[in-house]
Amino acid sequence: MDSRQLKHFVAVAEHRNFTAAANQLHIAQPALSISIKKFEQQLGMKLFRRDDRKIDLTNEGNMLYEHAKRILQQIDDAQLAVDELKGLEKGEVKLGAPSMMGSYFFPQILMAFKNHYPNLKLTLIDAGTRSIRQMLIDGELDLGVIVSDDVTDELETDDLLDAEMVAVVGSQHPLADSKVMSFDTFFDQELVMFKPGYFHREFIESKANTHGYNMNVAFETNLLPLILSIVKHEFAMTSLLTLVTDNEPSVRAISFEQPVTFKLVLAWRRDGYLSKADQAFIEFVKQYV
């Protein structure tokens, strides 16, 4: 078993299609088919079921797939470590953050970091915290912002900030002057919400399910500017972090009767390799916070 065979196997397992996998690997499709056949013969077991052009993993293939992904990630980490010992830096920080953090918390940090390290590339990926957690575990991200409740044993973290989630209405909304809002009142309104997968959406859904509220979601989008525009024009209300509302004077933030706070953390794979660029970014964020 060698890394090339594992790469071929993982590509087919992920695409469930030999042609698409061959295109990703930049090899001919017949060559890939031969490679997989030889790999199965070497292992003495079938890894894929082929039926009417449909490809599925066998039970043995499913088991090997999880190990293969981890092995290939460790090989990439090892190559990165060796490169840096030779004086080569990765030169890139791949950071995952929810939309609110990406729009209101990180811009100044990223620009200041880039000013200190002009040769490094910064990639910011907008996603929900559940998706970010999985991308960290799969090695698709170097660093990511998640809720402290979502931390698993596979991740290591540093505290980032405590954030309050509030109800948000337009400045002319009948409830705009309210000091606090009950969930009875909140769920009685038409709502504009992020799609499922974002931590504040999951909290609202959990609250609705627990107490039997009906969620009247009139608009659903992951575009934060659109959510704010809908709220400003009084078409619906939403829930956001005060991180957003503190910077948006045309909306009003109303705390819930029982204040809702989240602890957000910066996370990375516990057994992964952190490049010099990643380490520098973590230390920079610590100083900034």
C-alpha atoms as a PDB file:
ATOM      1  CA  MET A   1       0.000   0.000   0.000  1.00  0.00           C
ATOM      2  CA  ASP A   2       1.428   3.388  -0.979  1.00  0.00           C
ATOM      3  CA  SER A   3       0.199   6.960  -0.851  1.00  0.00           C
ATOM      4  CA  ARG A   4      -0.552   7.029  -4.592  1.00  0.00           C
ATOM      5  CA  GLN A   5      -2.957   4.112  -4.234  1.00  0.00           C
ATOM      6  CA  LEU A   6      -4.619   5.789  -1.272  1.00  0.00           C
ATOM      7  CA  LYS A   7      -5.018   9.050  -3.217  1.00  0.00           C
ATOM      8  CA  HIS A   8      -6.635   7.181  -6.094  1.00  0.00           C
ATOM      9  CA  PHE A   9      -8.942   5.297  -3.726  1.00  0.00           C
ATOM     10  CA  VAL A  10     -10.013   8.447  -1.830  1.00  0.00           C
ATOM     11  CA  ALA A  11     -10.674  10.354  -5.067  1.00  0.00           C
ATOM     12  CA  VAL A  12     -13.007   7.632  -6.366  1.00  0.00           C
ATOM     13  CA  ALA A  13     -14.651   7.289  -2.938  1.00  0.00           C
ATOM     14  CA  GLU A  14     -15.397  11.022  -2.819  1.00  0.00           C
ATOM     15  CA  HIS A  15     -16.594  11.423  -6.408  1.00  0.00           C
ATOM     16  CA  ARG A  16     -18.280   8.004  -6.750  1.00  0.00           C
ATOM     17  CA  ASN A  17     -17.286   8.358 -10.396  1.00  0.00           C
ATOM     18  CA  PHE A  18     -14.081   7.213 -12.107  1.00  0.00           C
ATOM     19  CA  THR A  19     -14.115   9.915 -14.779  1.00  0.00           C
ATOM     20  CA  ALA A  20     -14.527  12.771 -12.277  1.00  0.00           C
ATOM     21  CA  ALA A  21     -11.881  11.261  -9.985  1.00  0.00           C
ATOM     22  CA  ALA A  22      -9.457  10.861 -12.901  1.00  0.00           C
ATOM     23  CA  ASN A  23      -9.981  14.494 -13.882  1.00  0.00           C
ATOM     24  CA  GLN A  24      -9.182  15.603 -10.336  1.00  0.00           C
ATOM     25  CA  LEU A  25      -6.050  13.455 -10.274  1.00  0.00           C
ATOM     26  CA  HIS A  26      -5.028  14.528 -13.800  1.00  0.00           C
ATOM     27  CA  ILE A  27      -4.640  10.951 -14.999  1.00  0.00           C
ATOM     28  CA  ALA A  28      -6.431   8.894 -17.656  1.00  0.00           C
ATOM     29  CA  GLN A  29      -9.605   7.139 -16.551  1.00  0.00           C
ATOM     30  CA  PRO A  30      -8.416   3.669 -17.682  1.00  0.00           C
ATOM     31  CA  ALA A  31      -5.210   4.115 -15.691  1.00  0.00           C
ATOM     32  CA  LEU A  32      -7.244   4.948 -12.595  1.00  0.00           C
ATOM     33  CA  SER A  33      -9.466   1.892 -13.061  1.00  0.00           C
ATOM     34  CA  ILE A  34      -6.393  -0.332 -13.348  1.00  0.00           C
ATOM     35  CA  SER A  35      -4.868   1.258 -10.230  1.00  0.00           C
ATOM     36  CA  ILE A  36      -8.016   0.591  -8.184  1.00  0.00           C
ATOM     37  CA  LYS A  37      -8.275  -2.987  -9.478  1.00  0.00           C
ATOM     38  CA  LYS A  38      -4.653  -3.688  -8.516  1.00  0.00           C
ATOM     39  CA  PHE A  39      -5.218  -2.086  -5.111  1.00  0.00           C
ATOM     40  CA  GLU A  40      -8.218  -4.348  -4.470  1.00  0.00           C
ATOM     41  CA  GLN A  41      -6.206  -7.382  -5.575  1.00  0.00           C
ATOM     42  CA  GLN A  42      -3.348  -6.408  -3.272  1.00  0.00           C
ATOM     43  CA  LEU A  43      -5.727  -6.050  -0.306  1.00  0.00           C
ATOM     44  CA  GLY A  44      -7.694  -9.169  -1.215  1.00  0.00           C
ATOM     45  CA  MET A  45     -11.055  -7.421  -0.927  1.00  0.00           C
ATOM     46  CA  LYS A  46     -13.525  -5.384  -2.922  1.00  0.00           C
ATOM     47  CA  LEU A  47     -13.583  -1.678  -2.054  1.00  0.00           C
ATOM     48  CA  PHE A  48     -16.365  -0.608  -4.441  1.00  0.00           C
ATOM     49  CA  ARG A  49     -19.678  -1.970  -5.635  1.00  0.00           C
ATOM     50  CA  ARG A  50     -20.352  -1.217  -9.306  1.00  0.00           C
ATOM     51  CA  ASP A  51     -23.987  -1.475 -10.418  1.00  0.00           C
ATOM     52  CA  ASP A  52     -25.530   0.201 -13.500  1.00  0.00           C
ATOM     53  CA  ARG A  53     -22.821   2.874 -13.585  1.00  0.00           C
ATOM     54  CA  LYS A  54     -23.406   3.585  -9.906  1.00  0.00           C
ATOM     55  CA  ILE A  55     -20.386   3.252  -7.603  1.00  0.00           C
ATOM     56  CA  ASP A  56     -20.722   2.722  -3.858  1.00  0.00           C
ATOM     57  CA  LEU A  57     -18.241   1.820  -1.151  1.00  0.00           C
ATOM     58  CA  THR A  58     -18.396  -1.660   0.326  1.00  0.00           C
ATOM     59  CA  ASN A  59     -18.268  -2.044   4.104  1.00  0.00           C
ATOM     60  CA  GLU A  60     -14.526  -2.659   3.807  1.00  0.00           C
ATOM     61  CA  GLY A  61     -14.191   0.393   1.584  1.00  0.00           C
ATOM     62  CA  ASN A  62     -16.014   2.586   4.088  1.00  0.00           C
ATOM     63  CA  MET A  63     -13.677   1.480   6.859  1.00  0.00           C
ATOM     64  CA  LEU A  64     -10.567   2.072   4.762  1.00  0.00           C
ATOM     65  CA  TYR A  65     -11.836   5.479   3.590  1.00  0.00           C
ATOM     66  CA  GLU A  66     -11.763   6.985   7.094  1.00  0.00           C
ATOM     67  CA  HIS A  67      -8.216   5.713   7.698  1.00  0.00           C
ATOM     68  CA  ALA A  68      -7.038   6.785   4.240  1.00  0.00           C
ATOM     69  CA  LYS A  69      -8.187  10.369   4.715  1.00  0.00           C
ATOM     70  CA  ARG A  70      -6.280  10.648   7.985  1.00  0.00           C
ATOM     71  CA  ILE A  71      -3.147   9.065   6.506  1.00  0.00           C
ATOM     72  CA  LEU A  72      -3.113  11.422   3.505  1.00  0.00           C
ATOM     73  CA  GLN A  73      -3.637  14.418   5.794  1.00  0.00           C
ATOM     74  CA  GLN A  74      -0.704  13.295   7.945  1.00  0.00           C
ATOM     75  CA  ILE A  75       1.467  12.929   4.839  1.00  0.00           C
ATOM     76  CA  ASP A  76       0.590  16.493   3.807  1.00  0.00           C
ATOM     77  CA  ASP A  77       1.391  17.719   7.328  1.00  0.00           C
ATOM     78  CA  ALA A  78       4.728  15.907   7.261  1.00  0.00           C
ATOM     79  CA  GLN A  79       5.657  17.432   3.900  1.00  0.00           C
ATOM     80  CA  LEU A  80       4.764  20.879   5.213  1.00  0.00           C
ATOM     81  CA  ALA A  81       6.912  20.369   8.310  1.00  0.00           C
ATOM     82  CA  VAL A  82       9.878  19.238   6.205  1.00  0.00           C
ATOM     83  CA  ASP A  83       9.471  22.191   3.840  1.00  0.00           C
ATOM     84  CA  GLU A  84       9.510  24.628   6.736  1.00  0.00           C
ATOM     85  CA  LEU A  85      12.649  23.038   8.150  1.00  0.00           C
ATOM     86  CA  LYS A  86      14.235  23.884   4.812  1.00  0.00           C
ATOM     87  CA  GLY A  87      13.202  27.492   5.264  1.00  0.00           C
ATOM     88  CA  LEU A  88      10.013  27.340   3.202  1.00  0.00           C
ATOM     89  CA  GLU A  89       6.766  28.669   4.686  1.00  0.00           C
ATOM     90  CA  LYS A  90       3.310  27.607   3.726  1.00  0.00           C
ATOM     91  CA  GLY A  91       2.509  31.248   3.111  1.00  0.00           C
ATOM     92  CA  GLU A  92      -1.239  30.874   3.605  1.00  0.00           C
ATOM     93  CA  VAL A  93      -3.752  30.914   6.438  1.00  0.00           C
ATOM     94  CA  LYS A  94      -7.103  29.284   5.627  1.00  0.00           C
ATOM     95  CA  LEU A  95      -9.620  30.569   8.158  1.00  0.00           C
ATOM     96  CA  GLY A  96     -13.286  29.615   8.474  1.00  0.00           C
ATOM     97  CA  ALA A  97     -15.670  32.028  10.190  1.00  0.00           C
ATOM     98  CA  PRO A  98     -19.440  32.602  10.363  1.00  0.00           C
ATOM     99  CA  SER A  99     -20.702  35.557   8.348  1.00  0.00           C
ATOM    100  CA  MET A 100     -21.067  37.929  11.308  1.00  0.00           C
ATOM    101  CA  MET A 101     -17.511  37.287  12.491  1.00  0.00           C
ATOM    102  CA  GLY A 102     -16.135  37.516   8.975  1.00  0.00           C
ATOM    103  CA  SER A 103     -17.879  40.824   8.331  1.00  0.00           C
ATOM    104  CA  TYR A 104     -17.459  42.637  11.656  1.00  0.00           C
ATOM    105  CA  PHE A 105     -14.717  41.010  13.736  1.00  0.00           C
ATOM    106  CA  PHE A 106     -11.985  39.861  11.391  1.00  0.00           C
ATOM    107  CA  PRO A 107     -11.578  42.596   8.720  1.00  0.00           C
ATOM    108  CA  GLN A 108      -9.382  44.836  10.896  1.00  0.00           C
ATOM    109  CA  ILE A 109      -7.452  41.839  12.237  1.00  0.00           C
ATOM    110  CA  LEU A 110      -6.818  40.467   8.752  1.00  0.00           C
ATOM    111  CA  MET A 111      -5.670  43.820   7.403  1.00  0.00           C
ATOM    112  CA  ALA A 112      -3.384  44.416  10.374  1.00  0.00           C
ATOM    113  CA  PHE A 113      -1.963  40.891  10.083  1.00  0.00           C
ATOM    114  CA  LYS A 114      -1.374  41.365   6.351  1.00  0.00           C
ATOM    115  CA  ASN A 115       0.431  44.610   7.112  1.00  0.00           C
ATOM    116  CA  HIS A 116       2.790  42.720   9.440  1.00  0.00           C
ATOM    117  CA  TYR A 117       3.224  39.740   7.104  1.00  0.00           C
ATOM    118  CA  PRO A 118       2.782  41.080   3.544  1.00  0.00           C
ATOM    119  CA  ASN A 119       3.976  37.865   1.863  1.00  0.00           C
ATOM    120  CA  LEU A 120       1.350  35.636   3.442  1.00  0.00           C
ATOM    121  CA  LYS A 121      -1.932  34.809   1.759  1.00  0.00           C
ATOM    122  CA  LEU A 122      -5.145  34.959   3.790  1.00  0.00           C
ATOM    123  CA  THR A 123      -8.207  32.963   2.778  1.00  0.00           C
ATOM    124  CA  LEU A 124     -11.455  33.560   4.691  1.00  0.00           C
ATOM    125  CA  ILE A 125     -14.254  31.037   4.185  1.00  0.00           C
ATOM    126  CA  ASP A 126     -17.808  31.895   5.273  1.00  0.00           C
ATOM    127  CA  ALA A 127     -19.688  28.926   6.745  1.00  0.00           C
ATOM    128  CA  GLY A 128     -21.753  27.828   9.715  1.00  0.00           C
ATOM    129  CA  THR A 129     -19.879  26.662  12.801  1.00  0.00           C
ATOM    130  CA  ARG A 130     -20.946  23.018  12.332  1.00  0.00           C
ATOM    131  CA  SER A 131     -19.532  23.051   8.796  1.00  0.00           C
ATOM    132  CA  ILE A 132     -16.376  24.800  10.001  1.00  0.00           C
ATOM    133  CA  ARG A 133     -15.847  22.179  12.693  1.00  0.00           C
ATOM    134  CA  GLN A 134     -16.065  19.387  10.124  1.00  0.00           C
ATOM    135  CA  MET A 135     -13.771  21.191   7.680  1.00  0.00           C
ATOM    136  CA  LEU A 136     -11.189  21.550  10.452  1.00  0.00           C
ATOM    137  CA  ILE A 137     -11.387  17.839  11.271  1.00  0.00           C
ATOM    138  CA  ASP A 138     -11.117  16.954   7.558  1.00  0.00           C
ATOM    139  CA  GLY A 139      -8.075  19.211   7.129  1.00  0.00           C
ATOM    140  CA  GLU A 140      -9.827  21.587   4.700  1.00  0.00           C
ATOM    141  CA  LEU A 141      -9.205  24.560   7.012  1.00  0.00           C
ATOM    142  CA  ASP A 142      -6.206  25.540   9.131  1.00  0.00           C
ATOM    143  CA  LEU A 143      -8.168  27.548  11.681  1.00  0.00           C
ATOM    144  CA  GLY A 144     -11.836  28.177  12.346  1.00  0.00           C
ATOM    145  CA  VAL A 145     -14.266  29.997  14.607  1.00  0.00           C
ATOM    146  CA  ILE A 146     -16.741  27.717  16.370  1.00  0.00           C
ATOM    147  CA  VAL A 147     -18.946  27.791  19.457  1.00  0.00           C
ATOM    148  CA  SER A 148     -17.276  26.377  22.570  1.00  0.00           C
ATOM    149  CA  ASP A 149     -20.134  23.867  22.940  1.00  0.00           C
ATOM    150  CA  ASP A 150     -19.157  22.329  19.576  1.00  0.00           C
ATOM    151  CA  VAL A 151     -15.542  21.509  20.513  1.00  0.00           C
ATOM    152  CA  THR A 152     -14.578  17.846  20.169  1.00  0.00           C
ATOM    153  CA  ASP A 153     -11.508  15.927  21.341  1.00  0.00           C
ATOM    154  CA  GLU A 154     -10.085  16.273  17.826  1.00  0.00           C
ATOM    155  CA  LEU A 155      -9.759  20.042  18.183  1.00  0.00           C
ATOM    156  CA  GLU A 156      -7.699  22.438  20.253  1.00  0.00           C
ATOM    157  CA  THR A 157      -8.946  25.955  20.972  1.00  0.00           C
ATOM    158  CA  ASP A 158      -8.205  29.414  22.284  1.00  0.00           C
ATOM    159  CA  ASP A 159     -10.930  31.706  23.641  1.00  0.00           C
ATOM    160  CA  LEU A 160     -11.934  34.433  21.218  1.00  0.00           C
ATOM    161  CA  LEU A 161     -14.864  36.403  22.646  1.00  0.00           C
ATOM    162  CA  ASP A 162     -18.168  36.189  24.477  1.00  0.00           C
ATOM    163  CA  ALA A 163     -21.003  37.480  22.321  1.00  0.00           C
ATOM    164  CA  GLU A 164     -24.619  38.278  23.144  1.00  0.00           C
ATOM    165  CA  MET A 165     -27.334  37.330  20.709  1.00  0.00           C
ATOM    166  CA  VAL A 166     -30.203  39.840  20.536  1.00  0.00           C
ATOM    167  CA  ALA A 167     -33.434  40.394  18.679  1.00  0.00           C
ATOM    168  CA  VAL A 168     -32.964  42.930  15.881  1.00  0.00           C
ATOM    169  CA  VAL A 169     -35.610  45.243  14.417  1.00  0.00           C
ATOM    170  CA  GLY A 170     -35.648  48.309  12.195  1.00  0.00           C
ATOM    171  CA  SER A 171     -35.340  51.728  13.812  1.00  0.00           C
ATOM    172  CA  GLN A 172     -39.012  52.534  13.090  1.00  0.00           C
ATOM    173  CA  HIS A 173     -40.396  49.180  14.158  1.00  0.00           C
ATOM    174  CA  PRO A 174     -43.161  49.334  16.833  1.00  0.00           C
ATOM    175  CA  LEU A 175     -40.887  47.329  19.160  1.00  0.00           C
ATOM    176  CA  ALA A 176     -37.772  49.441  18.503  1.00  0.00           C
ATOM    177  CA  ASP A 177     -37.922  51.193  21.900  1.00  0.00           C
ATOM    178  CA  SER A 178     -38.302  47.968  23.876  1.00  0.00           C
ATOM    179  CA  LYS A 179     -35.622  47.314  26.482  1.00  0.00           C
ATOM    180  CA  VAL A 180     -36.068  43.532  26.492  1.00  0.00           C
ATOM    181  CA  MET A 181     -38.045  41.038  24.429  1.00  0.00           C
ATOM    182  CA  SER A 182     -39.679  37.765  25.409  1.00  0.00           C
ATOM    183  CA  PHE A 183     -39.429  34.749  23.144  1.00  0.00           C
ATOM    184  CA  ASP A 184     -43.238  34.792  22.995  1.00  0.00           C
ATOM    185  CA  THR A 185     -43.028  38.181  21.282  1.00  0.00           C
ATOM    186  CA  PHE A 186     -40.077  37.201  19.108  1.00  0.00           C
ATOM    187  CA  PHE A 187     -41.733  34.097  17.706  1.00  0.00           C
ATOM    188  CA  ASP A 188     -44.939  36.027  17.114  1.00  0.00           C
ATOM    189  CA  GLN A 189     -43.164  38.077  14.408  1.00  0.00           C
ATOM    190  CA  GLU A 190     -42.167  37.285  10.829  1.00  0.00           C
ATOM    191  CA  LEU A 191     -38.486  36.369  10.818  1.00  0.00           C
ATOM    192  CA  VAL A 192     -35.548  36.574   8.441  1.00  0.00           C
ATOM    193  CA  MET A 193     -32.972  33.951   9.389  1.00  0.00           C
ATOM    194  CA  PHE A 194     -29.718  32.434   8.308  1.00  0.00           C
ATOM    195  CA  LYS A 195     -30.085  28.951   6.838  1.00  0.00           C
ATOM    196  CA  PRO A 196     -29.681  25.909   9.118  1.00  0.00           C
ATOM    197  CA  GLY A 197     -26.101  25.185  10.148  1.00  0.00           C
ATOM    198  CA  TYR A 198     -25.358  28.552  11.761  1.00  0.00           C
ATOM    199  CA  PHE A 199     -25.133  28.486  15.555  1.00  0.00           C
ATOM    200  CA  HIS A 200     -27.662  31.264  16.225  1.00  0.00           C
ATOM    201  CA  ARG A 201     -30.199  29.662  13.843  1.00  0.00           C
ATOM    202  CA  GLU A 202     -29.710  26.362  15.663  1.00  0.00           C
ATOM    203  CA  PHE A 203     -30.275  28.080  19.015  1.00  0.00           C
ATOM    204  CA  ILE A 204     -33.505  29.702  17.808  1.00  0.00           C
ATOM    205  CA  GLU A 205     -34.748  26.391  16.388  1.00  0.00           C
ATOM    206  CA  SER A 206     -33.872  24.632  19.651  1.00  0.00           C
ATOM    207  CA  LYS A 207     -35.768  27.251  21.655  1.00  0.00           C
ATOM    208  CA  ALA A 208     -38.791  26.890  19.358  1.00  0.00           C
ATOM    209  CA  ASN A 209     -38.783  23.097  19.559  1.00  0.00           C
ATOM    210  CA  THR A 210     -38.311  23.029  23.335  1.00  0.00           C
ATOM    211  CA  HIS A 211     -41.142  25.455  24.110  1.00  0.00           C
ATOM    212  CA  GLY A 212     -43.490  24.667  21.232  1.00  0.00           C
ATOM    213  CA  TYR A 213     -43.103  27.969  19.380  1.00  0.00           C
ATOM    214  CA  ASN A 214     -43.958  28.221  15.701  1.00  0.00           C
ATOM    215  CA  MET A 215     -41.118  29.726  13.673  1.00  0.00           C
ATOM    216  CA  ASN A 216     -42.587  32.087  11.089  1.00  0.00           C
ATOM    217  CA  VAL A 217     -39.560  32.293   8.774  1.00  0.00           C
ATOM    218  CA  ALA A 218     -40.558  34.643   5.963  1.00  0.00           C
ATOM    219  CA  PHE A 219     -37.034  34.974   4.522  1.00  0.00           C
ATOM    220  CA  GLU A 220     -34.051  32.639   4.664  1.00  0.00           C
ATOM    221  CA  THR A 221     -30.576  33.579   3.397  1.00  0.00           C
ATOM    222  CA  ASN A 222     -26.910  33.436   4.357  1.00  0.00           C
ATOM    223  CA  LEU A 223     -26.299  36.913   2.932  1.00  0.00           C
ATOM    224  CA  LEU A 224     -25.869  39.173   5.956  1.00  0.00           C
ATOM    225  CA  PRO A 225     -26.313  42.452   3.976  1.00  0.00           C
ATOM    226  CA  LEU A 226     -29.660  41.135   2.686  1.00  0.00           C
ATOM    227  CA  ILE A 227     -30.781  40.187   6.206  1.00  0.00           C
ATOM    228  CA  LEU A 228     -29.943  43.689   7.434  1.00  0.00           C
ATOM    229  CA  SER A 229     -31.723  45.289   4.479  1.00  0.00           C
ATOM    230  CA  ILE A 230     -34.894  43.273   5.137  1.00  0.00           C
ATOM    231  CA  VAL A 231     -34.826  44.269   8.811  1.00  0.00           C
ATOM    232  CA  LYS A 232     -34.131  47.945   8.042  1.00  0.00           C
ATOM    233  CA  HIS A 233     -37.114  48.044   5.688  1.00  0.00           C
ATOM    234  CA  GLU A 234     -39.374  46.529   8.370  1.00  0.00           C
ATOM    235  CA  PHE A 235     -40.223  43.370   6.426  1.00  0.00           C
ATOM    236  CA  ALA A 236     -39.127  41.075   9.273  1.00  0.00           C
ATOM    237  CA  MET A 237     -37.004  40.872  12.417  1.00  0.00           C
ATOM    238  CA  THR A 238     -34.045  38.645  13.124  1.00  0.00           C
ATOM    239  CA  SER A 239     -31.519  37.644  15.767  1.00  0.00           C
ATOM    240  CA  LEU A 240     -27.862  38.638  15.486  1.00  0.00           C
ATOM    241  CA  LEU A 241     -24.843  39.230  17.686  1.00  0.00           C
ATOM    242  CA  THR A 242     -24.301  42.655  19.218  1.00  0.00           C
ATOM    243  CA  LEU A 243     -21.037  42.557  17.287  1.00  0.00           C
ATOM    244  CA  VAL A 244     -23.209  43.430  14.269  1.00  0.00           C
ATOM    245  CA  THR A 245     -25.757  45.765  15.810  1.00  0.00           C
ATOM    246  CA  ASP A 246     -23.073  47.873  17.504  1.00  0.00           C
ATOM    247  CA  ASN A 247     -21.912  48.791  14.003  1.00  0.00           C
ATOM    248  CA  GLU A 248     -25.322  49.222  12.375  1.00  0.00           C
ATOM    249  CA  PRO A 249     -27.041  52.396  13.677  1.00  0.00           C
ATOM    250  CA  SER A 250     -30.119  51.925  11.479  1.00  0.00           C
ATOM    251  CA  VAL A 251     -31.261  48.823  13.402  1.00  0.00           C
ATOM    252  CA  ARG A 252     -32.157  48.331  17.052  1.00  0.00           C
ATOM    253  CA  ALA A 253     -30.842  45.570  19.279  1.00  0.00           C
ATOM    254  CA  ILE A 254     -33.168  44.248  21.986  1.00  0.00           C
ATOM    255  CA  SER A 255     -31.875  41.828  24.602  1.00  0.00           C
ATOM    256  CA  PHE A 256     -33.968  38.778  25.334  1.00  0.00           C
ATOM    257  CA  GLU A 257     -35.583  38.597  28.781  1.00  0.00           C
ATOM    258  CA  GLN A 258     -33.180  35.802  29.554  1.00  0.00           C
ATOM    259  CA  PRO A 259     -29.933  37.055  27.965  1.00  0.00           C
ATOM    260  CA  VAL A 260     -28.398  34.707  25.396  1.00  0.00           C
ATOM    261  CA  THR A 261     -24.613  34.577  25.173  1.00  0.00           C
ATOM    262  CA  PHE A 262     -22.206  32.405  23.206  1.00  0.00           C
ATOM    263  CA  LYS A 263     -18.527  31.746  23.808  1.00  0.00           C
ATOM    264  CA  LEU A 264     -16.720  31.734  20.479  1.00  0.00           C
ATOM    265  CA  VAL A 265     -13.316  30.086  20.171  1.00  0.00           C
ATOM    266  CA  LEU A 266     -10.571  29.837  17.572  1.00  0.00           C
ATOM    267  CA  ALA A 267     -10.004  26.144  16.807  1.00  0.00           C
ATOM    268  CA  TRP A 268      -7.559  23.918  14.929  1.00  0.00           C
ATOM    269  CA  ARG A 269      -6.864  20.186  14.632  1.00  0.00           C
ATOM    270  CA  ARG A 270      -5.188  18.825  17.732  1.00  0.00           C
ATOM    271  CA  ASP A 271      -3.099  16.301  15.791  1.00  0.00           C
ATOM    272  CA  GLY A 272      -2.555  18.537  12.764  1.00  0.00           C
ATOM    273  CA  TYR A 273       0.540  20.484  11.829  1.00  0.00           C
ATOM    274  CA  LEU A 274       0.333  24.240  12.357  1.00  0.00           C
ATOM    275  CA  SER A 275       2.492  26.119   9.888  1.00  0.00           C
ATOM    276  CA  LYS A 276       4.515  29.141  10.915  1.00  0.00           C
ATOM    277  CA  ALA A 277       1.873  31.282   9.238  1.00  0.00           C
ATOM    278  CA  ASP A 278      -0.920  29.638  11.275  1.00  0.00           C
ATOM    279  CA  GLN A 279       1.036  29.995  14.526  1.00  0.00           C
ATOM    280  CA  ALA A 280       1.752  33.648  13.783  1.00  0.00           C
ATOM    281  CA  PHE A 281      -1.943  34.287  13.113  1.00  0.00           C
ATOM    282  CA  ILE A 282      -3.035  32.632  16.368  1.00  0.00           C
ATOM    283  CA  GLU A 283      -0.569  34.746  18.372  1.00  0.00           C
ATOM    284  CA  PHE A 284      -1.619  37.873  16.494  1.00  0.00           C
ATOM    285  CA  VAL A 285      -5.296  37.282  17.256  1.00  0.00           C
ATOM    286  CA  LYS A 286      -4.470  36.684  20.952  1.00  0.00           C
ATOM    287  CA  GLN A 287      -2.745  40.062  21.144  1.00  0.00           C
ATOM    288  CA  TYR A 288      -5.586  41.771  19.286  1.00  0.00           C
ATOM    289  CA  VAL A 289      -8.295  40.289  21.528  1.00  0.00           C
END
